[in-house]
Amino acid sequence: MAHTKPNLDGLTPRDHAFYGLVWAGTTLTARVDQALTRRHDLPLSWFEVMLWLSVQHEPVAPSELAARTLLSRSQVSRVADSLRARGLVERVPSPTDARSVGIALTEAGRRAFAEADATRREALAEVFDDRLDDADIAALEAIWAKLKAQPKP
């Protein structure tokens, strides 16, 4: 039996584009996750929560983080507990609702995030940043904006 190399020649351009997005997301995510875990013992899900917290000026409710990240509310809570155990985040009581808390990076968390973010950038440099110019990035931003937009009723 002859061995043939599989290919995607039979896919429509839309199917090929979709598969390309899946491949890129999976490949880049695995590369970053591996680098962060190896260098900082920091899984990508933890980094994602820290990324969102790093640009906030106020503590953020776990439900809001879940709505913005690729994680569920229970996953955000577990990640926050793990980050808190390492001294990287703190839970801050809500000033308006005694039953609620917000999550914020500690100073140690901000330092750890900065180091991890440098690792993320290094991991992506050769396979993303060095291959895409500003026009490519602008095109990706436009595409993602269209894909994230809510459909009109």
N, C-alpha and C. Protein backbone atom coordinates (compact mmCIF):
# COMPACT_ATOMS: atom_id res chain seq x y z
N MET A 1 0.84 -1.17 0.00
CA MET A 1 0.00 0.00 0.00
C MET A 1 0.89 1.24 0.00
N ALA A 2 0.63 2.13 -0.91
CA ALA A 2 1.42 3.35 -1.02
C ALA A 2 0.98 4.34 0.06
N HIS A 3 1.94 5.02 0.61
CA HIS A 3 1.64 6.03 1.63
C HIS A 3 1.51 7.38 0.95
N THR A 4 0.42 8.04 1.25
CA THR A 4 0.22 9.38 0.70
C THR A 4 0.25 10.38 1.84
N LYS A 5 0.72 11.53 1.51
CA LYS A 5 0.78 12.60 2.51
C LYS A 5 -0.58 13.30 2.53
N PRO A 6 -1.24 13.35 3.69
CA PRO A 6 -2.54 14.01 3.74
C PRO A 6 -2.41 15.50 3.43
N ASN A 7 -3.44 16.05 2.82
CA ASN A 7 -3.45 17.48 2.55
C ASN A 7 -4.88 17.99 2.69
N LEU A 8 -5.01 19.28 2.62
CA LEU A 8 -6.32 19.91 2.77
C LEU A 8 -6.80 20.53 1.46
N ASP A 9 -6.30 20.02 0.34
CA ASP A 9 -6.64 20.60 -0.95
C ASP A 9 -8.14 20.59 -1.24
N GLY A 10 -8.89 19.66 -0.67
CA GLY A 10 -10.32 19.56 -0.95
C GLY A 10 -11.18 20.52 -0.14
N LEU A 11 -10.58 21.26 0.77
CA LEU A 11 -11.36 22.19 1.57
C LEU A 11 -11.70 23.46 0.81
N THR A 12 -12.84 24.03 1.14
CA THR A 12 -13.18 25.34 0.58
C THR A 12 -12.27 26.38 1.22
N PRO A 13 -12.15 27.55 0.61
CA PRO A 13 -11.34 28.61 1.24
C PRO A 13 -11.82 28.95 2.65
N ARG A 14 -13.12 28.96 2.89
CA ARG A 14 -13.63 29.25 4.23
C ARG A 14 -13.26 28.15 5.22
N ASP A 15 -13.37 26.89 4.80
CA ASP A 15 -12.97 25.79 5.67
C ASP A 15 -11.48 25.85 5.96
N HIS A 16 -10.69 26.15 4.95
CA HIS A 16 -9.25 26.26 5.12
C HIS A 16 -8.91 27.41 6.08
N ALA A 17 -9.59 28.54 5.93
CA ALA A 17 -9.36 29.68 6.82
C ALA A 17 -9.72 29.32 8.26
N PHE A 18 -10.84 28.63 8.44
CA PHE A 18 -11.24 28.21 9.78
C PHE A 18 -10.20 27.28 10.38
N TYR A 19 -9.78 26.28 9.60
CA TYR A 19 -8.77 25.35 10.10
C TYR A 19 -7.48 26.11 10.43
N GLY A 20 -7.14 27.09 9.62
CA GLY A 20 -5.94 27.89 9.89
C GLY A 20 -6.04 28.61 11.22
N LEU A 21 -7.21 29.17 11.54
CA LEU A 21 -7.39 29.83 12.83
C LEU A 21 -7.24 28.83 13.98
N VAL A 22 -7.84 27.66 13.81
CA VAL A 22 -7.74 26.63 14.84
C VAL A 22 -6.28 26.22 15.01
N TRP A 23 -5.59 25.97 13.91
CA TRP A 23 -4.19 25.56 13.97
C TRP A 23 -3.33 26.64 14.64
N ALA A 24 -3.51 27.88 14.23
CA ALA A 24 -2.71 28.96 14.80
C ALA A 24 -2.96 29.10 16.29
N GLY A 25 -4.23 29.09 16.68
CA GLY A 25 -4.55 29.22 18.09
C GLY A 25 -3.97 28.09 18.92
N THR A 26 -4.13 26.88 18.45
CA THR A 26 -3.63 25.71 19.17
C THR A 26 -2.11 25.72 19.25
N THR A 27 -1.46 25.99 18.14
CA THR A 27 0.00 25.97 18.08
C THR A 27 0.62 27.07 18.95
N LEU A 28 0.11 28.28 18.81
CA LEU A 28 0.67 29.40 19.57
C LEU A 28 0.37 29.26 21.06
N THR A 29 -0.83 28.79 21.39
CA THR A 29 -1.19 28.58 22.79
C THR A 29 -0.28 27.55 23.44
N ALA A 30 -0.05 26.43 22.75
CA ALA A 30 0.82 25.38 23.30
C ALA A 30 2.23 25.90 23.50
N ARG A 31 2.72 26.68 22.56
CA ARG A 31 4.09 27.23 22.65
C ARG A 31 4.22 28.15 23.87
N VAL A 32 3.25 29.04 24.05
CA VAL A 32 3.30 29.98 25.17
C VAL A 32 3.10 29.23 26.49
N ASP A 33 2.15 28.32 26.54
CA ASP A 33 1.89 27.55 27.77
C ASP A 33 3.15 26.80 28.19
N GLN A 34 3.81 26.17 27.25
CA GLN A 34 5.03 25.41 27.56
C GLN A 34 6.12 26.33 28.12
N ALA A 35 6.32 27.48 27.50
CA ALA A 35 7.35 28.41 27.95
C ALA A 35 7.04 28.96 29.34
N LEU A 36 5.78 29.34 29.57
CA LEU A 36 5.40 29.90 30.87
C LEU A 36 5.50 28.85 31.97
N THR A 37 5.09 27.65 31.68
CA THR A 37 5.15 26.58 32.68
C THR A 37 6.60 26.23 32.99
N ARG A 38 7.41 26.11 31.96
CA ARG A 38 8.82 25.74 32.15
C ARG A 38 9.58 26.82 32.94
N ARG A 39 9.41 28.06 32.56
CA ARG A 39 10.19 29.15 33.16
C ARG A 39 9.64 29.67 34.49
N HIS A 40 8.30 29.67 34.61
CA HIS A 40 7.69 30.34 35.76
C HIS A 40 6.75 29.45 36.56
N ASP A 41 6.58 28.19 36.16
CA ASP A 41 5.60 27.31 36.77
C ASP A 41 4.24 28.01 36.79
N LEU A 42 3.90 28.61 35.64
CA LEU A 42 2.70 29.44 35.51
C LEU A 42 1.91 28.98 34.29
N PRO A 43 0.86 28.19 34.47
CA PRO A 43 0.06 27.76 33.32
C PRO A 43 -0.55 28.96 32.59
N LEU A 44 -0.86 28.76 31.34
CA LEU A 44 -1.41 29.84 30.52
C LEU A 44 -2.72 30.38 31.10
N SER A 45 -3.56 29.54 31.69
CA SER A 45 -4.82 30.03 32.28
C SER A 45 -4.53 31.01 33.41
N TRP A 46 -3.49 30.78 34.18
CA TRP A 46 -3.12 31.71 35.25
C TRP A 46 -2.64 33.02 34.62
N PHE A 47 -1.81 32.88 33.59
CA PHE A 47 -1.29 34.07 32.91
C PHE A 47 -2.42 34.90 32.33
N GLU A 48 -3.42 34.24 31.77
CA GLU A 48 -4.54 34.97 31.17
C GLU A 48 -5.27 35.82 32.21
N VAL A 49 -5.50 35.26 33.38
CA VAL A 49 -6.14 36.02 34.46
C VAL A 49 -5.24 37.19 34.86
N MET A 50 -3.95 36.93 34.99
CA MET A 50 -3.02 38.00 35.37
C MET A 50 -2.95 39.08 34.30
N LEU A 51 -3.04 38.69 33.03
CA LEU A 51 -3.03 39.66 31.93
C LEU A 51 -4.19 40.64 32.08
N TRP A 52 -5.39 40.11 32.29
CA TRP A 52 -6.56 40.98 32.45
C TRP A 52 -6.42 41.86 33.68
N LEU A 53 -5.93 41.29 34.78
CA LEU A 53 -5.78 42.08 36.00
C LEU A 53 -4.70 43.14 35.87
N SER A 54 -3.69 42.89 35.06
CA SER A 54 -2.56 43.81 34.95
C SER A 54 -2.94 45.17 34.38
N VAL A 55 -4.04 45.23 33.65
CA VAL A 55 -4.44 46.50 33.02
C VAL A 55 -5.67 47.12 33.68
N GLN A 56 -6.05 46.59 34.84
CA GLN A 56 -7.19 47.14 35.56
C GLN A 56 -6.71 48.08 36.66
N HIS A 57 -7.49 49.10 36.94
CA HIS A 57 -7.16 50.05 38.00
C HIS A 57 -7.88 49.73 39.30
N GLU A 58 -8.86 48.85 39.22
CA GLU A 58 -9.65 48.46 40.38
C GLU A 58 -9.75 46.94 40.41
N PRO A 59 -10.00 46.35 41.58
CA PRO A 59 -10.24 44.90 41.64
C PRO A 59 -11.41 44.51 40.73
N VAL A 60 -11.35 43.28 40.21
CA VAL A 60 -12.34 42.79 39.26
C VAL A 60 -13.06 41.59 39.86
N ALA A 61 -14.37 41.56 39.71
CA ALA A 61 -15.17 40.43 40.19
C ALA A 61 -14.83 39.18 39.38
N PRO A 62 -14.79 38.02 40.03
CA PRO A 62 -14.53 36.77 39.29
C PRO A 62 -15.49 36.57 38.11
N SER A 63 -16.75 36.96 38.28
CA SER A 63 -17.71 36.78 37.19
C SER A 63 -17.32 37.64 35.98
N GLU A 64 -16.78 38.83 36.22
CA GLU A 64 -16.33 39.70 35.12
C GLU A 64 -15.11 39.10 34.42
N LEU A 65 -14.19 38.54 35.20
CA LEU A 65 -13.03 37.88 34.58
C LEU A 65 -13.47 36.70 33.73
N ALA A 66 -14.43 35.94 34.23
CA ALA A 66 -14.93 34.80 33.46
C ALA A 66 -15.56 35.26 32.15
N ALA A 67 -16.25 36.39 32.18
CA ALA A 67 -16.89 36.91 30.97
C ALA A 67 -15.86 37.39 29.94
N ARG A 68 -14.69 37.77 30.39
CA ARG A 68 -13.67 38.33 29.49
C ARG A 68 -12.62 37.32 29.04
N THR A 69 -12.42 36.29 29.85
CA THR A 69 -11.39 35.30 29.54
C THR A 69 -12.01 34.09 28.85
N LEU A 70 -11.20 33.11 28.59
CA LEU A 70 -11.69 31.85 28.01
C LEU A 70 -11.99 30.83 29.11
N LEU A 71 -12.17 31.33 30.34
CA LEU A 71 -12.37 30.46 31.49
C LEU A 71 -13.78 30.62 32.05
N SER A 72 -14.27 29.58 32.69
CA SER A 72 -15.57 29.67 33.38
C SER A 72 -15.37 30.36 34.73
N ARG A 73 -16.47 30.72 35.35
CA ARG A 73 -16.38 31.38 36.66
C ARG A 73 -15.70 30.47 37.68
N SER A 74 -16.03 29.17 37.67
CA SER A 74 -15.40 28.25 38.62
C SER A 74 -13.91 28.10 38.33
N GLN A 75 -13.54 28.09 37.04
CA GLN A 75 -12.11 28.04 36.70
C GLN A 75 -11.39 29.30 37.17
N VAL A 76 -12.02 30.46 36.98
CA VAL A 76 -11.42 31.71 37.44
C VAL A 76 -11.22 31.66 38.95
N SER A 77 -12.19 31.15 39.67
CA SER A 77 -12.07 31.06 41.13
C SER A 77 -10.92 30.13 41.53
N ARG A 78 -10.79 29.00 40.84
CA ARG A 78 -9.68 28.07 41.15
C ARG A 78 -8.33 28.71 40.82
N VAL A 79 -8.26 29.39 39.67
CA VAL A 79 -7.02 30.06 39.30
C VAL A 79 -6.68 31.14 40.32
N ALA A 80 -7.69 31.93 40.71
CA ALA A 80 -7.47 32.99 41.70
C ALA A 80 -6.98 32.40 43.02
N ASP A 81 -7.56 31.27 43.43
CA ASP A 81 -7.11 30.62 44.67
C ASP A 81 -5.64 30.19 44.56
N SER A 82 -5.26 29.64 43.41
CA SER A 82 -3.88 29.22 43.21
C SER A 82 -2.93 30.41 43.18
N LEU A 83 -3.34 31.47 42.50
CA LEU A 83 -2.50 32.68 42.45
C LEU A 83 -2.40 33.32 43.83
N ARG A 84 -3.48 33.29 44.57
CA ARG A 84 -3.49 33.86 45.92
C ARG A 84 -2.55 33.07 46.83
N ALA A 85 -2.53 31.74 46.69
CA ALA A 85 -1.65 30.90 47.49
C ALA A 85 -0.17 31.23 47.23
N ARG A 86 0.11 31.73 46.06
CA ARG A 86 1.49 32.12 45.71
C ARG A 86 1.74 33.61 45.99
N GLY A 87 0.75 34.30 46.53
CA GLY A 87 0.92 35.70 46.87
C GLY A 87 0.87 36.64 45.68
N LEU A 88 0.28 36.18 44.56
CA LEU A 88 0.27 36.97 43.33
C LEU A 88 -1.00 37.79 43.15
N VAL A 89 -2.09 37.38 43.78
CA VAL A 89 -3.33 38.16 43.76
C VAL A 89 -3.88 38.24 45.18
N GLU A 90 -4.77 39.20 45.34
CA GLU A 90 -5.47 39.32 46.62
C GLU A 90 -6.94 39.48 46.33
N ARG A 91 -7.74 39.04 47.28
CA ARG A 91 -9.18 39.24 47.21
C ARG A 91 -9.50 40.50 48.00
N VAL A 92 -10.25 41.39 47.38
CA VAL A 92 -10.57 42.68 47.99
C VAL A 92 -12.08 42.77 48.15
N PRO A 93 -12.56 42.99 49.38
CA PRO A 93 -14.02 43.12 49.57
C PRO A 93 -14.57 44.28 48.75
N SER A 94 -15.75 44.07 48.20
CA SER A 94 -16.41 45.11 47.42
C SER A 94 -16.86 46.23 48.36
N PRO A 95 -16.61 47.48 47.98
CA PRO A 95 -17.06 48.59 48.83
C PRO A 95 -18.58 48.79 48.79
N THR A 96 -19.24 48.20 47.80
CA THR A 96 -20.68 48.42 47.65
C THR A 96 -21.53 47.19 47.96
N ASP A 97 -20.90 46.00 48.04
CA ASP A 97 -21.67 44.77 48.29
C ASP A 97 -20.85 43.87 49.20
N ALA A 98 -21.28 43.72 50.43
CA ALA A 98 -20.53 42.94 51.42
C ALA A 98 -20.39 41.47 51.03
N ARG A 99 -21.22 40.99 50.13
CA ARG A 99 -21.15 39.58 49.71
C ARG A 99 -20.16 39.35 48.59
N SER A 100 -19.67 40.41 47.97
CA SER A 100 -18.82 40.29 46.78
C SER A 100 -17.37 40.64 47.09
N VAL A 101 -16.49 40.05 46.28
CA VAL A 101 -15.08 40.39 46.35
C VAL A 101 -14.58 40.66 44.94
N GLY A 102 -13.51 41.41 44.87
CA GLY A 102 -12.81 41.62 43.62
C GLY A 102 -11.44 40.98 43.73
N ILE A 103 -10.81 40.77 42.60
CA ILE A 103 -9.48 40.19 42.57
C ILE A 103 -8.54 41.24 41.98
N ALA A 104 -7.38 41.38 42.59
CA ALA A 104 -6.38 42.34 42.11
C ALA A 104 -4.99 41.72 42.24
N LEU A 105 -4.10 42.12 41.35
CA LEU A 105 -2.71 41.69 41.45
C LEU A 105 -2.06 42.37 42.65
N THR A 106 -1.21 41.63 43.34
CA THR A 106 -0.37 42.22 44.37
C THR A 106 0.87 42.80 43.67
N GLU A 107 1.71 43.48 44.41
CA GLU A 107 2.95 43.98 43.81
C GLU A 107 3.80 42.81 43.32
N ALA A 108 3.85 41.73 44.11
CA ALA A 108 4.58 40.53 43.68
C ALA A 108 3.95 39.97 42.41
N GLY A 109 2.63 40.04 42.32
CA GLY A 109 1.92 39.57 41.13
C GLY A 109 2.25 40.42 39.91
N ARG A 110 2.37 41.72 40.10
CA ARG A 110 2.74 42.60 38.97
C ARG A 110 4.16 42.29 38.49
N ARG A 111 5.06 42.05 39.41
CA ARG A 111 6.44 41.69 39.01
C ARG A 111 6.46 40.34 38.29
N ALA A 112 5.73 39.36 38.86
CA ALA A 112 5.68 38.03 38.24
C ALA A 112 5.04 38.10 36.85
N PHE A 113 3.99 38.93 36.72
CA PHE A 113 3.35 39.07 35.42
C PHE A 113 4.33 39.68 34.41
N ALA A 114 5.06 40.71 34.81
CA ALA A 114 6.01 41.36 33.89
C ALA A 114 7.05 40.36 33.40
N GLU A 115 7.56 39.53 34.30
CA GLU A 115 8.54 38.51 33.91
C GLU A 115 7.90 37.48 32.98
N ALA A 116 6.70 37.03 33.31
CA ALA A 116 6.01 36.04 32.48
C ALA A 116 5.64 36.63 31.12
N ASP A 117 5.25 37.88 31.10
CA ASP A 117 4.90 38.52 29.83
C ASP A 117 6.12 38.63 28.93
N ALA A 118 7.28 38.89 29.50
CA ALA A 118 8.51 38.91 28.70
C ALA A 118 8.78 37.53 28.11
N THR A 119 8.51 36.49 28.89
CA THR A 119 8.67 35.12 28.39
C THR A 119 7.68 34.85 27.26
N ARG A 120 6.43 35.30 27.43
CA ARG A 120 5.41 35.12 26.38
C ARG A 120 5.88 35.80 25.09
N ARG A 121 6.35 37.02 25.20
CA ARG A 121 6.81 37.75 24.01
C ARG A 121 7.98 37.05 23.35
N GLU A 122 8.88 36.54 24.16
CA GLU A 122 10.04 35.81 23.62
C GLU A 122 9.60 34.53 22.91
N ALA A 123 8.65 33.82 23.51
CA ALA A 123 8.16 32.57 22.91
C ALA A 123 7.47 32.82 21.57
N LEU A 124 6.83 33.98 21.44
CA LEU A 124 6.09 34.29 20.21
C LEU A 124 6.92 35.03 19.16
N ALA A 125 8.06 35.55 19.55
CA ALA A 125 8.83 36.41 18.64
C ALA A 125 9.08 35.75 17.29
N GLU A 126 9.68 34.60 17.28
CA GLU A 126 10.08 33.94 16.03
C GLU A 126 8.89 33.47 15.19
N VAL A 127 7.82 33.03 15.85
CA VAL A 127 6.71 32.43 15.12
C VAL A 127 5.53 33.37 14.90
N PHE A 128 5.58 34.57 15.47
CA PHE A 128 4.47 35.50 15.33
C PHE A 128 4.99 36.90 14.99
N ASP A 129 5.65 37.52 15.94
CA ASP A 129 6.08 38.90 15.76
C ASP A 129 7.03 39.09 14.58
N ASP A 130 7.98 38.18 14.42
CA ASP A 130 8.96 38.32 13.34
C ASP A 130 8.36 38.01 11.96
N ARG A 131 7.23 37.33 11.93
CA ARG A 131 6.61 36.95 10.65
C ARG A 131 5.50 37.89 10.20
N LEU A 132 4.94 38.64 11.14
CA LEU A 132 3.80 39.50 10.82
C LEU A 132 4.20 40.97 10.92
N ASP A 133 3.89 41.73 9.88
CA ASP A 133 4.17 43.17 9.93
C ASP A 133 2.95 43.90 10.47
N ASP A 134 3.05 45.22 10.55
CA ASP A 134 1.96 46.02 11.13
C ASP A 134 0.66 45.86 10.35
N ALA A 135 0.75 45.71 9.03
CA ALA A 135 -0.46 45.53 8.22
C ALA A 135 -1.12 44.18 8.54
N ASP A 136 -0.31 43.14 8.75
CA ASP A 136 -0.86 41.83 9.12
C ASP A 136 -1.58 41.91 10.46
N ILE A 137 -0.95 42.60 11.42
CA ILE A 137 -1.56 42.73 12.75
C ILE A 137 -2.87 43.50 12.66
N ALA A 138 -2.89 44.57 11.88
CA ALA A 138 -4.12 45.36 11.70
C ALA A 138 -5.21 44.49 11.06
N ALA A 139 -4.83 43.66 10.10
CA ALA A 139 -5.80 42.77 9.45
C ALA A 139 -6.36 41.76 10.45
N LEU A 140 -5.49 41.19 11.28
CA LEU A 140 -5.95 40.26 12.30
C LEU A 140 -6.89 40.94 13.30
N GLU A 141 -6.53 42.14 13.70
CA GLU A 141 -7.39 42.89 14.63
C GLU A 141 -8.78 43.11 14.01
N ALA A 142 -8.81 43.47 12.75
CA ALA A 142 -10.09 43.70 12.07
C ALA A 142 -10.90 42.40 11.98
N ILE A 143 -10.23 41.32 11.67
CA ILE A 143 -10.91 40.03 11.58
C ILE A 143 -11.47 39.61 12.94
N TRP A 144 -10.65 39.72 13.98
CA TRP A 144 -11.12 39.33 15.31
C TRP A 144 -12.27 40.21 15.76
N ALA A 145 -12.23 41.49 15.44
CA ALA A 145 -13.34 42.38 15.80
C ALA A 145 -14.64 41.91 15.14
N LYS A 146 -14.55 41.50 13.89
CA LYS A 146 -15.74 41.00 13.19
C LYS A 146 -16.23 39.68 13.82
N LEU A 147 -15.30 38.80 14.16
CA LEU A 147 -15.69 37.51 14.72
C LEU A 147 -16.25 37.65 16.13
N LYS A 148 -15.78 38.63 16.89
CA LYS A 148 -16.26 38.82 18.26
C LYS A 148 -17.54 39.65 18.33
N ALA A 149 -17.87 40.36 17.26
CA ALA A 149 -19.05 41.22 17.27
C ALA A 149 -20.31 40.39 17.44
N GLN A 150 -21.24 40.93 18.18
CA GLN A 150 -22.53 40.26 18.39
C GLN A 150 -23.33 40.33 17.09
N PRO A 151 -23.95 39.22 16.70
CA PRO A 151 -24.78 39.26 15.49
C PRO A 151 -25.98 40.19 15.67
N LYS A 152 -26.33 40.85 14.61
CA LYS A 152 -27.50 41.74 14.67
C LYS A 152 -28.77 40.92 14.58
N PRO A 153 -29.79 41.27 15.40
CA PRO A 153 -31.04 40.49 15.39
C PRO A 153 -31.82 40.67 14.10
